[in-house]
Amino acid sequence: MLKVAVVGASGYTGVELIRILVGHPEIEICCVTSRQHEGLPINQVFPSLTGFCELICEPLNVEAISRRADLVFTALPHKSAMEVVPGFLSAGCKVIDLSADYRLNDQNIYEQWYQTHSSPELFDEAVYGLPELYREQLQSARLIANPGCYPTSVILALAPLLEHGLIDPNSLIVDSKSGVSGAGRGVKLGSLYCEANEGFKAYGIASHRHTPEIEQELSGLSGGDIRLNFTPHLLPVNRGILSTCYADMRESKSTQELIDIYHLRYGKERFVRVMPGNQLPNIAYVRGTNFCDIGLVSDQRTGRVIVVSAIDNLVKGAAGQAVQNMNIMCSYSDALGLGIVPTFP
């Protein structure tokens, strides 16, 4: 059994990791940490875990955790992760980091959007954890930078078009909507029920921190420097991301021709489902799962293509993708522990 630790277990991503890992046949959770809830059983912090995981929340002690764990999930905020990841690696643990601290490969860009980085020497080693793009590199990785939720939905939506040179990379516009859990479990005014319920608003226009991550990966796919307009919105729902991506086509193709290209690209990928031409994704159809649903329409009138993707921000956008990355890193099947049917309605 692979022994894993969940560092930062009291957030939404932490509890989602535990929910998935307790059903994984090759995994033993040996440690969960929480500064805020130190000394409490994790099932008292999250009663949903009663009967599944009753480990005591421990303080974050790198040395003590490293003696017990083979692999560590760091579900910590950015900056907090970089303070402990080098220690876990030095102790011989593999690390899957769910913060933003190792997603960008340029220190200057990271520090422009976040803060000073204390271990930039790990940038070159960290593998960006999007299995559909970097499966081979993930197999031998020691440090995986789990992608952000918005970037996952956008990159998977646009990758086939950029790989085939079918769209003008200078024309990209991305409009994304996220459930409130994307803001984390900490108390924030904008996430309060009365602030979010029955509302729908844009935020972070031209300034959201996921922008350079999206641009970095799309630039790699296109072979050139991409700059795009990315506008996130807050939906009054718990879970889910719906991203709508617009681009000018370089050559005319029908909706079905483009769908065929997506089927060819993702046909062997367990967690990408390409919708038929008469269907478009809905966050209700991926809830609680590691799926990314993609649908598209070729607008012959305007010469644009509109691609829509849907994910659960806590699963394919965070914990589920982290477990998928662990599976690849440890030579398990991608789907091990992730065979979850979406809940509906």
Protein backbone atom coordinates (compact mmCIF):
# COMPACT_ATOMS: atom_id res chain seq x y z
CA MET A 1 0.00 0.00 0.00
CA LEU A 2 1.18 3.48 -0.85
CA LYS A 3 1.17 5.67 2.25
CA VAL A 4 0.04 9.23 1.60
CA ALA A 5 -0.35 12.37 3.68
CA VAL A 6 -2.85 15.16 3.09
CA VAL A 7 -1.25 18.40 4.22
CA GLY A 8 -3.92 21.05 4.60
CA ALA A 9 -6.82 18.68 5.14
CA SER A 10 -9.38 21.13 6.50
CA GLY A 11 -10.09 23.01 3.27
CA TYR A 12 -12.50 22.01 0.53
CA THR A 13 -9.69 20.52 -1.53
CA GLY A 14 -8.36 18.62 1.49
CA VAL A 15 -11.67 16.98 2.33
CA GLU A 16 -12.23 16.16 -1.34
CA LEU A 17 -8.84 14.45 -1.45
CA ILE A 18 -9.78 12.37 1.59
CA ARG A 19 -13.20 11.52 0.12
CA ILE A 20 -11.54 10.14 -3.01
CA LEU A 21 -8.53 8.49 -1.35
CA VAL A 22 -10.54 6.46 1.17
CA GLY A 23 -12.00 4.58 -1.79
CA HIS A 24 -8.66 3.98 -3.51
CA PRO A 25 -7.65 0.29 -3.23
CA GLU A 26 -3.90 0.95 -3.28
CA ILE A 27 -3.75 3.85 -0.81
CA GLU A 28 -3.46 4.22 2.94
CA ILE A 29 -3.90 7.73 4.32
CA CYS A 30 -1.31 7.87 7.09
CA CYS A 31 -1.59 11.52 8.11
CA VAL A 32 -3.81 14.59 7.80
CA THR A 33 -2.73 18.02 8.96
CA SER A 34 -4.62 21.11 10.02
CA ARG A 35 -3.26 24.04 11.96
CA GLN A 36 -6.72 25.32 12.82
CA HIS A 37 -8.11 21.95 13.96
CA GLU A 38 -5.00 20.35 15.46
CA GLY A 39 -5.92 17.52 17.82
CA LEU A 40 -9.43 16.99 16.46
CA PRO A 41 -10.48 13.89 14.50
CA ILE A 42 -10.98 14.88 10.87
CA ASN A 43 -14.51 13.45 10.98
CA GLN A 44 -15.39 16.07 13.60
CA VAL A 45 -14.20 18.77 11.23
CA PHE A 46 -16.13 17.12 8.37
CA PRO A 47 -18.91 14.84 9.70
CA SER A 48 -19.36 13.52 6.15
CA LEU A 49 -16.18 11.48 6.73
CA THR A 50 -17.60 9.60 9.75
CA GLY A 51 -17.03 5.90 9.22
CA PHE A 52 -14.51 6.55 6.45
CA CYS A 53 -11.65 8.49 8.02
CA GLU A 54 -11.17 9.34 11.68
CA LEU A 55 -7.49 10.33 11.72
CA ILE A 56 -6.46 13.05 14.17
CA CYS A 57 -5.46 16.35 12.61
CA GLU A 58 -1.74 16.88 13.22
CA PRO A 59 0.50 19.93 13.07
CA LEU A 60 2.53 20.34 9.90
CA ASN A 61 5.87 18.75 10.81
CA VAL A 62 7.82 17.92 7.65
CA GLU A 63 10.28 15.58 9.36
CA ALA A 64 7.62 13.59 11.22
CA ILE A 65 5.34 13.27 8.19
CA SER A 66 8.20 12.27 5.89
CA ARG A 67 9.04 9.30 8.11
CA ARG A 68 5.58 7.83 7.48
CA ALA A 69 4.52 8.98 4.01
CA ASP A 70 5.68 7.91 0.57
CA LEU A 71 3.76 10.69 -1.16
CA VAL A 72 2.44 14.01 0.10
CA PHE A 73 -0.45 16.08 -1.24
CA THR A 74 0.11 19.71 -0.26
CA ALA A 75 -3.34 21.31 -0.28
CA LEU A 76 -2.06 24.62 1.05
CA PRO A 77 -2.43 28.21 -0.14
CA HIS A 78 0.26 29.63 -2.40
CA LYS A 79 3.33 30.77 -0.46
CA SER A 80 2.56 28.29 2.34
CA ALA A 81 3.27 25.39 -0.01
CA MET A 82 6.72 26.59 -1.10
CA GLU A 83 7.75 26.72 2.57
CA VAL A 84 7.37 22.93 2.98
CA VAL A 85 7.63 21.31 -0.46
CA PRO A 86 11.47 21.43 -0.64
CA GLY A 87 11.68 19.71 2.75
CA PHE A 88 9.41 16.87 1.70
CA LEU A 89 11.40 16.36 -1.49
CA SER A 90 14.71 16.38 0.41
CA ALA A 91 13.32 13.70 2.74
CA GLY A 92 12.57 11.44 -0.23
CA CYS A 93 8.82 11.97 -0.54
CA LYS A 94 7.06 12.50 -3.83
CA VAL A 95 4.91 15.63 -3.80
CA ILE A 96 1.75 16.67 -5.61
CA ASP A 97 1.26 20.35 -4.89
CA LEU A 98 -2.21 21.81 -5.34
CA SER A 99 -1.18 25.43 -4.83
CA ALA A 100 -0.01 27.78 -7.58
CA ASP A 101 3.59 27.81 -6.34
CA TYR A 102 5.12 25.55 -9.01
CA ARG A 103 2.71 25.90 -11.94
CA LEU A 104 4.53 28.74 -13.67
CA ASN A 105 7.93 28.12 -15.21
CA ASP A 106 9.13 31.73 -15.09
CA GLN A 107 10.10 33.18 -11.73
CA ASN A 108 9.56 36.77 -12.88
CA ILE A 109 6.01 36.03 -14.02
CA TYR A 110 5.22 34.18 -10.80
CA GLU A 111 6.46 37.07 -8.68
CA GLN A 112 4.57 39.57 -10.81
CA TRP A 113 1.25 37.82 -10.12
CA TYR A 114 1.89 36.34 -6.65
CA GLN A 115 4.88 37.15 -4.40
CA THR A 116 8.59 36.44 -3.97
CA HIS A 117 9.39 32.77 -4.47
CA SER A 118 11.70 30.99 -2.03
CA SER A 119 12.51 27.87 -4.11
CA PRO A 120 12.58 28.83 -7.80
CA GLU A 121 15.22 26.16 -8.39
CA LEU A 122 12.32 23.66 -8.44
CA PHE A 123 10.56 25.34 -11.38
CA ASP A 124 12.48 23.31 -13.94
CA GLU A 125 11.77 20.05 -12.12
CA ALA A 126 8.06 20.51 -11.47
CA VAL A 127 5.82 18.84 -14.07
CA TYR A 128 2.56 20.58 -14.90
CA GLY A 129 -0.05 18.03 -13.87
CA LEU A 130 -2.43 17.94 -16.81
CA PRO A 131 -2.39 14.24 -17.79
CA GLU A 132 -3.94 14.78 -21.20
CA LEU A 133 -0.90 16.90 -22.16
CA TYR A 134 2.02 15.64 -20.06
CA ARG A 135 1.38 11.98 -19.31
CA GLU A 136 4.91 10.82 -20.22
CA GLN A 137 6.63 13.43 -18.03
CA LEU A 138 4.30 12.66 -15.11
CA GLN A 139 5.36 9.02 -15.05
CA SER A 140 8.85 9.88 -13.83
CA ALA A 141 8.05 13.04 -11.88
CA ARG A 142 9.08 13.72 -8.29
CA LEU A 143 7.15 17.00 -8.02
CA ILE A 144 3.84 17.61 -9.77
CA ALA A 145 2.25 21.04 -9.94
CA ASN A 146 -1.47 20.33 -10.03
CA PRO A 147 -3.20 22.77 -12.42
CA GLY A 148 -5.67 25.41 -11.39
CA CYS A 149 -9.38 24.78 -11.89
CA TYR A 150 -10.04 27.50 -14.47
CA PRO A 151 -6.89 26.61 -16.47
CA THR A 152 -7.86 22.93 -16.59
CA SER A 153 -11.22 23.75 -18.15
CA VAL A 154 -9.76 26.22 -20.65
CA ILE A 155 -6.64 24.32 -21.73
CA LEU A 156 -8.52 21.09 -22.40
CA ALA A 157 -11.17 23.02 -24.33
CA LEU A 158 -8.70 24.73 -26.68
CA ALA A 159 -5.81 22.25 -26.98
CA PRO A 160 -6.98 20.37 -30.12
CA LEU A 161 -7.66 23.59 -32.01
CA LEU A 162 -4.26 25.06 -31.19
CA GLU A 163 -2.40 21.81 -31.85
CA HIS A 164 -3.90 21.67 -35.35
CA GLY A 165 -3.43 25.40 -36.03
CA LEU A 166 -7.15 25.78 -36.69
CA ILE A 167 -7.67 29.08 -34.84
CA ASP A 168 -6.04 32.48 -34.66
CA PRO A 169 -4.28 32.48 -31.26
CA ASN A 170 -4.55 36.28 -31.10
CA SER A 171 -8.35 36.14 -31.10
CA LEU A 172 -8.95 34.15 -27.91
CA ILE A 173 -11.62 35.24 -25.44
CA VAL A 174 -12.50 33.08 -22.44
CA ASP A 175 -15.57 33.55 -20.26
CA SER A 176 -15.66 31.26 -17.20
CA LYS A 177 -18.09 30.72 -14.35
CA SER A 178 -17.29 29.01 -11.05
CA GLY A 179 -19.20 27.78 -8.06
CA VAL A 180 -18.55 29.43 -4.70
CA SER A 181 -16.37 26.58 -3.39
CA GLY A 182 -13.69 27.81 -5.80
CA ALA A 183 -13.06 30.68 -3.40
CA GLY A 184 -11.97 28.25 -0.65
CA ARG A 185 -13.35 27.56 2.81
CA GLY A 186 -12.03 30.68 4.49
CA VAL A 187 -14.59 33.29 5.46
CA LYS A 188 -14.79 35.98 2.76
CA LEU A 189 -17.49 38.60 2.38
CA GLY A 190 -18.18 37.78 -1.27
CA SER A 191 -18.64 34.07 -0.47
CA LEU A 192 -21.27 34.56 2.23
CA TYR A 193 -24.69 33.12 1.41
CA CYS A 194 -26.50 36.45 1.31
CA GLU A 195 -23.78 37.94 -0.90
CA ALA A 196 -23.63 35.09 -3.44
CA ASN A 197 -27.14 33.62 -3.47
CA GLU A 198 -29.36 34.82 -6.33
CA GLY A 199 -26.46 36.85 -7.69
CA PHE A 200 -24.18 36.45 -10.69
CA LYS A 201 -21.14 38.65 -11.12
CA ALA A 202 -17.83 39.00 -12.91
CA TYR A 203 -14.63 39.51 -10.94
CA GLY A 204 -10.89 39.71 -11.50
CA ILE A 205 -11.32 41.17 -14.98
CA ALA A 206 -7.91 41.42 -16.70
CA SER A 207 -6.26 40.59 -13.37
CA HIS A 208 -7.10 37.02 -12.31
CA ARG A 209 -4.05 35.04 -11.21
CA HIS A 210 -4.92 32.06 -13.38
CA THR A 211 -4.36 34.18 -16.50
CA PRO A 212 -0.57 33.62 -16.82
CA GLU A 213 -1.03 29.89 -16.21
CA ILE A 214 -3.55 29.66 -19.03
CA GLU A 215 -1.37 31.76 -21.32
CA GLN A 216 1.74 29.71 -20.52
CA GLU A 217 0.15 26.39 -21.47
CA LEU A 218 -1.73 27.66 -24.51
CA SER A 219 1.45 29.34 -25.77
CA GLY A 220 3.24 26.01 -25.55
CA LEU A 221 0.49 24.36 -27.57
CA SER A 222 0.47 27.02 -30.27
CA GLY A 223 4.23 27.50 -30.51
CA GLY A 224 3.90 31.26 -30.04
CA ASP A 225 3.23 33.86 -27.39
CA ILE A 226 -0.49 33.98 -26.55
CA ARG A 227 -2.30 36.78 -24.76
CA LEU A 228 -6.00 36.40 -24.12
CA ASN A 229 -8.94 38.03 -22.41
CA PHE A 230 -10.00 35.89 -19.44
CA THR A 231 -13.04 36.89 -17.41
CA PRO A 232 -14.19 34.73 -14.46
CA HIS A 233 -17.64 34.94 -12.89
CA LEU A 234 -19.11 33.72 -9.61
CA LEU A 235 -22.12 31.41 -9.87
CA PRO A 236 -24.47 30.94 -6.89
CA VAL A 237 -23.83 27.17 -6.80
CA ASN A 238 -21.52 25.04 -4.65
CA ARG A 239 -19.51 23.28 -7.36
CA GLY A 240 -18.67 23.46 -11.01
CA ILE A 241 -16.90 25.46 -13.67
CA LEU A 242 -18.33 26.24 -17.09
CA SER A 243 -15.90 27.87 -19.52
CA THR A 244 -16.96 29.29 -22.87
CA CYS A 245 -14.05 29.94 -25.24
CA TYR A 246 -14.27 32.00 -28.45
CA ALA A 247 -11.77 32.06 -31.32
CA ASP A 248 -11.56 33.03 -34.99
CA MET A 249 -11.12 30.02 -37.28
CA ARG A 250 -8.30 30.05 -39.82
CA GLU A 251 -10.20 27.75 -42.15
CA SER A 252 -13.84 26.87 -42.43
CA LYS A 253 -14.85 23.62 -40.74
CA SER A 254 -18.25 22.33 -39.76
CA THR A 255 -19.22 21.53 -36.20
CA GLN A 256 -19.05 17.81 -36.93
CA GLU A 257 -15.59 18.09 -38.50
CA LEU A 258 -14.33 19.80 -35.35
CA ILE A 259 -16.02 17.26 -33.10
CA ASP A 260 -14.25 14.51 -35.04
CA ILE A 261 -10.91 16.23 -34.36
CA TYR A 262 -11.72 16.33 -30.62
CA HIS A 263 -12.69 12.66 -30.63
CA LEU A 264 -9.38 11.83 -32.29
CA ARG A 265 -7.45 13.90 -29.73
CA TYR A 266 -9.23 12.67 -26.61
CA GLY A 267 -10.54 9.27 -27.67
CA LYS A 268 -8.16 7.40 -25.35
CA GLU A 269 -8.51 9.81 -22.43
CA ARG A 270 -10.71 8.37 -19.69
CA PHE A 271 -11.77 11.69 -18.22
CA VAL A 272 -12.52 13.84 -21.26
CA ARG A 273 -15.99 13.35 -22.74
CA VAL A 274 -16.68 15.02 -26.09
CA MET A 275 -20.36 15.85 -26.50
CA PRO A 276 -22.23 15.05 -29.73
CA GLY A 277 -23.21 17.96 -31.94
CA ASN A 278 -26.67 18.40 -30.45
CA GLN A 279 -25.42 18.59 -26.83
CA LEU A 280 -23.45 21.07 -24.79
CA PRO A 281 -21.84 20.56 -21.35
CA ASN A 282 -23.61 21.29 -18.09
CA ILE A 283 -21.94 21.45 -14.69
CA ALA A 284 -24.78 19.27 -13.35
CA TYR A 285 -23.49 16.36 -15.46
CA VAL A 286 -19.97 16.30 -13.98
CA ARG A 287 -20.74 16.98 -10.31
CA GLY A 288 -18.53 14.99 -7.96
CA THR A 289 -16.47 13.44 -10.78
CA ASN A 290 -13.15 13.79 -12.54
CA PHE A 291 -14.72 14.31 -15.97
CA CYS A 292 -14.22 17.26 -18.27
CA ASP A 293 -17.11 17.51 -20.73
CA ILE A 294 -16.47 19.44 -23.94
CA GLY A 295 -18.91 20.62 -26.59
CA LEU A 296 -18.49 23.05 -29.45
CA VAL A 297 -20.21 24.89 -32.27
CA SER A 298 -18.72 26.18 -35.52
CA ASP A 299 -20.38 29.52 -36.28
CA GLN A 300 -20.16 29.72 -40.05
CA ARG A 301 -21.81 33.13 -40.06
CA THR A 302 -19.06 34.83 -38.03
CA GLY A 303 -16.18 32.49 -38.81
CA ARG A 304 -15.71 31.72 -35.12
CA VAL A 305 -15.73 28.56 -33.06
CA ILE A 306 -17.27 28.46 -29.60
CA VAL A 307 -16.02 25.73 -27.27
CA VAL A 308 -17.73 24.99 -23.95
CA SER A 309 -16.23 22.88 -21.19
CA ALA A 310 -17.56 21.79 -17.80
CA ILE A 311 -15.70 20.37 -14.80
CA ASP A 312 -16.21 19.97 -11.07
CA ASN A 313 -13.75 22.55 -9.72
CA LEU A 314 -13.00 20.42 -6.64
CA VAL A 315 -12.40 17.18 -8.56
CA LYS A 316 -10.98 17.53 -12.09
CA GLY A 317 -10.15 21.09 -11.06
CA ALA A 318 -8.24 20.01 -7.94
CA ALA A 319 -8.38 16.79 -5.88
CA GLY A 320 -9.48 14.35 -8.56
CA GLN A 321 -6.83 15.50 -10.98
CA ALA A 322 -4.26 15.22 -8.18
CA VAL A 323 -5.27 11.58 -7.63
CA GLN A 324 -5.17 10.96 -11.39
CA ASN A 325 -1.63 12.37 -11.37
CA MET A 326 -0.70 10.13 -8.45
CA ASN A 327 -2.03 7.13 -10.36
CA ILE A 328 0.14 7.95 -13.36
CA MET A 329 3.18 8.68 -11.19
CA CYS A 330 2.79 5.34 -9.41
CA SER A 331 1.95 3.27 -12.53
CA TYR A 332 -1.67 2.64 -11.56
CA SER A 333 -4.58 2.92 -13.97
CA ASP A 334 -5.71 6.53 -14.45
CA ALA A 335 -9.18 5.71 -13.22
CA LEU A 336 -8.23 3.81 -10.06
CA GLY A 337 -10.22 5.29 -7.20
CA LEU A 338 -11.93 7.72 -9.57
CA GLY A 339 -14.71 5.59 -11.04
CA ILE A 340 -17.41 7.90 -9.71
CA VAL A 341 -20.73 8.29 -11.54
CA PRO A 342 -21.95 11.91 -11.52
CA THR A 343 -24.71 12.68 -9.04
CA PHE A 344 -27.92 13.79 -10.74
CA PRO A 345 -30.16 15.61 -10.14
